[in-house]
Amino acid sequence: MLGFKFKRKTGNKTYKAPLNYSIINLDEDDEINWWCKELSCTEEELIDAVNKVGNSTNRVKEYFGEN
């Protein structure tokens, strides 16, 4: 699904999906919010994970025990 833009509505909040699913971009607030929802983590936990293992989605998922 690389390169596709869509919005996921959860409750009253809409989350903009990332343009590139292979990396986690911490420069975009919308993407941070989307990844936090996807990975069931806080922004702080997501940033900590990216700082420890890099911005690869697979590595971050492994860090959270999802892969």
N, C-alpha and C. Protein backbone atom coordinates (compact mmCIF):
# COMPACT_ATOMS: atom_id res chain seq x y z
N MET A 1 0.82 -1.19 0.00
CA MET A 1 0.00 0.00 0.00
C MET A 1 0.86 1.26 0.00
N LEU A 2 2.07 1.15 -0.39
CA LEU A 2 2.95 2.30 -0.39
C LEU A 2 2.43 3.36 -1.34
N GLY A 3 2.48 4.59 -0.88
CA GLY A 3 2.13 5.71 -1.72
C GLY A 3 0.66 6.09 -1.73
N PHE A 4 -0.20 5.36 -1.07
CA PHE A 4 -1.62 5.69 -1.06
C PHE A 4 -1.94 6.53 0.17
N LYS A 5 -2.79 7.51 -0.04
CA LYS A 5 -3.24 8.35 1.06
C LYS A 5 -4.68 8.01 1.38
N PHE A 6 -4.98 7.81 2.61
CA PHE A 6 -6.36 7.64 3.02
C PHE A 6 -6.48 8.06 4.47
N LYS A 7 -7.68 8.26 4.88
CA LYS A 7 -7.92 8.65 6.26
C LYS A 7 -8.72 7.57 6.94
N ARG A 8 -8.36 7.27 8.15
CA ARG A 8 -9.08 6.29 8.96
C ARG A 8 -9.80 7.08 10.05
N LYS A 9 -11.07 6.86 10.14
CA LYS A 9 -11.86 7.55 11.16
C LYS A 9 -12.05 6.62 12.35
N THR A 10 -11.68 7.09 13.51
CA THR A 10 -11.83 6.33 14.75
C THR A 10 -12.55 7.23 15.74
N GLY A 11 -13.78 6.89 16.04
CA GLY A 11 -14.55 7.75 16.94
C GLY A 11 -14.76 9.10 16.29
N ASN A 12 -14.38 10.15 16.97
CA ASN A 12 -14.52 11.50 16.43
C ASN A 12 -13.25 12.01 15.78
N LYS A 13 -12.21 11.20 15.77
CA LYS A 13 -10.91 11.63 15.28
C LYS A 13 -10.56 10.95 13.97
N THR A 14 -9.99 11.70 13.04
CA THR A 14 -9.54 11.14 11.78
C THR A 14 -8.02 11.13 11.78
N TYR A 15 -7.45 10.01 11.36
CA TYR A 15 -6.00 9.87 11.31
C TYR A 15 -5.56 9.74 9.86
N LYS A 16 -4.63 10.60 9.44
CA LYS A 16 -4.12 10.53 8.08
C LYS A 16 -3.03 9.46 8.02
N ALA A 17 -3.22 8.51 7.13
CA ALA A 17 -2.26 7.42 6.98
C ALA A 17 -0.96 7.95 6.37
N PRO A 18 0.15 7.30 6.67
CA PRO A 18 1.44 7.74 6.12
C PRO A 18 1.52 7.50 4.62
N LEU A 19 2.34 8.30 3.96
CA LEU A 19 2.57 8.11 2.52
C LEU A 19 3.44 6.90 2.27
N ASN A 20 4.32 6.58 3.21
CA ASN A 20 5.25 5.47 3.05
C ASN A 20 5.16 4.59 4.30
N TYR A 21 4.62 3.40 4.12
CA TYR A 21 4.43 2.51 5.27
C TYR A 21 5.71 1.82 5.73
N SER A 22 6.79 1.94 4.99
CA SER A 22 8.01 1.24 5.38
C SER A 22 8.84 2.01 6.40
N ILE A 23 8.52 3.31 6.57
CA ILE A 23 9.24 4.11 7.57
C ILE A 23 8.24 4.88 8.43
N ILE A 24 8.68 5.23 9.62
CA ILE A 24 7.87 6.05 10.52
C ILE A 24 8.50 7.44 10.54
N ASN A 25 7.75 8.41 10.05
CA ASN A 25 8.22 9.78 9.93
C ASN A 25 7.80 10.58 11.16
N LEU A 26 8.76 10.92 12.00
CA LEU A 26 8.46 11.67 13.22
C LEU A 26 8.36 13.17 12.98
N ASP A 27 8.51 13.60 11.73
CA ASP A 27 8.39 15.02 11.40
C ASP A 27 6.95 15.43 11.09
N GLU A 28 6.06 14.46 10.97
CA GLU A 28 4.66 14.74 10.62
C GLU A 28 3.74 14.34 11.77
N ASP A 29 3.09 15.33 12.36
CA ASP A 29 2.19 15.05 13.49
C ASP A 29 1.08 14.07 13.13
N ASP A 30 0.52 14.22 11.92
CA ASP A 30 -0.55 13.30 11.49
C ASP A 30 -0.06 11.86 11.46
N GLU A 31 1.15 11.67 10.96
CA GLU A 31 1.71 10.32 10.89
C GLU A 31 2.02 9.77 12.28
N ILE A 32 2.52 10.61 13.15
CA ILE A 32 2.78 10.17 14.53
C ILE A 32 1.48 9.70 15.16
N ASN A 33 0.43 10.49 15.01
CA ASN A 33 -0.87 10.11 15.58
C ASN A 33 -1.36 8.80 14.98
N TRP A 34 -1.19 8.63 13.67
CA TRP A 34 -1.65 7.41 12.99
C TRP A 34 -0.88 6.20 13.50
N TRP A 35 0.45 6.32 13.58
CA TRP A 35 1.26 5.19 14.04
C TRP A 35 0.98 4.86 15.50
N CYS A 36 0.75 5.87 16.33
CA CYS A 36 0.41 5.61 17.73
C CYS A 36 -0.88 4.81 17.83
N LYS A 37 -1.85 5.14 17.01
CA LYS A 37 -3.11 4.39 17.01
C LYS A 37 -2.87 2.97 16.49
N GLU A 38 -2.13 2.83 15.42
CA GLU A 38 -1.85 1.51 14.83
C GLU A 38 -1.09 0.60 15.78
N LEU A 39 -0.14 1.17 16.50
CA LEU A 39 0.73 0.38 17.37
C LEU A 39 0.28 0.38 18.83
N SER A 40 -0.82 1.04 19.09
CA SER A 40 -1.37 1.13 20.46
C SER A 40 -0.31 1.61 21.45
N CYS A 41 0.30 2.74 21.13
CA CYS A 41 1.33 3.29 22.00
C CYS A 41 1.14 4.80 22.11
N THR A 42 1.86 5.38 23.04
CA THR A 42 1.84 6.84 23.19
C THR A 42 2.88 7.44 22.25
N GLU A 43 2.79 8.74 22.06
CA GLU A 43 3.77 9.44 21.24
C GLU A 43 5.17 9.27 21.83
N GLU A 44 5.27 9.37 23.13
CA GLU A 44 6.57 9.21 23.80
C GLU A 44 7.15 7.82 23.56
N GLU A 45 6.31 6.79 23.66
CA GLU A 45 6.76 5.42 23.42
C GLU A 45 7.21 5.23 21.97
N LEU A 46 6.48 5.83 21.04
CA LEU A 46 6.84 5.72 19.62
C LEU A 46 8.18 6.39 19.36
N ILE A 47 8.36 7.59 19.87
CA ILE A 47 9.62 8.32 19.67
C ILE A 47 10.78 7.55 20.30
N ASP A 48 10.57 7.01 21.48
CA ASP A 48 11.60 6.20 22.14
C ASP A 48 11.97 4.99 21.30
N ALA A 49 10.97 4.32 20.75
CA ALA A 49 11.23 3.13 19.91
C ALA A 49 12.02 3.51 18.67
N VAL A 50 11.63 4.59 18.00
CA VAL A 50 12.34 5.02 16.79
C VAL A 50 13.77 5.42 17.13
N ASN A 51 13.97 6.07 18.26
CA ASN A 51 15.33 6.45 18.67
C ASN A 51 16.19 5.22 18.98
N LYS A 52 15.58 4.15 19.45
CA LYS A 52 16.33 2.94 19.80
C LYS A 52 16.61 2.04 18.61
N VAL A 53 15.62 1.86 17.71
CA VAL A 53 15.78 0.87 16.63
C VAL A 53 15.76 1.47 15.23
N GLY A 54 15.55 2.77 15.11
CA GLY A 54 15.48 3.40 13.80
C GLY A 54 14.04 3.55 13.34
N ASN A 55 13.85 4.15 12.17
CA ASN A 55 12.50 4.47 11.72
C ASN A 55 11.86 3.42 10.81
N SER A 56 12.48 2.27 10.69
CA SER A 56 11.90 1.17 9.92
C SER A 56 10.65 0.65 10.63
N THR A 57 9.55 0.60 9.91
CA THR A 57 8.30 0.12 10.49
C THR A 57 8.45 -1.29 11.04
N ASN A 58 9.09 -2.17 10.31
CA ASN A 58 9.27 -3.55 10.77
C ASN A 58 10.06 -3.62 12.06
N ARG A 59 11.12 -2.83 12.17
CA ARG A 59 11.93 -2.85 13.38
C ARG A 59 11.16 -2.29 14.58
N VAL A 60 10.38 -1.26 14.34
CA VAL A 60 9.58 -0.68 15.43
C VAL A 60 8.50 -1.67 15.87
N LYS A 61 7.87 -2.34 14.91
CA LYS A 61 6.87 -3.36 15.25
C LYS A 61 7.51 -4.49 16.05
N GLU A 62 8.70 -4.91 15.65
CA GLU A 62 9.42 -5.94 16.41
C GLU A 62 9.72 -5.46 17.82
N TYR A 63 10.11 -4.20 17.95
CA TYR A 63 10.39 -3.61 19.25
C TYR A 63 9.17 -3.70 20.16
N PHE A 64 8.00 -3.45 19.59
CA PHE A 64 6.76 -3.53 20.36
C PHE A 64 6.20 -4.94 20.44
N GLY A 65 6.91 -5.90 19.83
CA GLY A 65 6.48 -7.29 19.90
C GLY A 65 5.33 -7.64 18.98
N GLU A 66 5.19 -6.90 17.89
CA GLU A 66 4.07 -7.12 16.97
C GLU A 66 4.45 -7.92 15.74
N ASN A 67 5.72 -8.21 15.56
CA ASN A 67 6.12 -8.96 14.36
C ASN A 67 6.64 -10.31 14.72
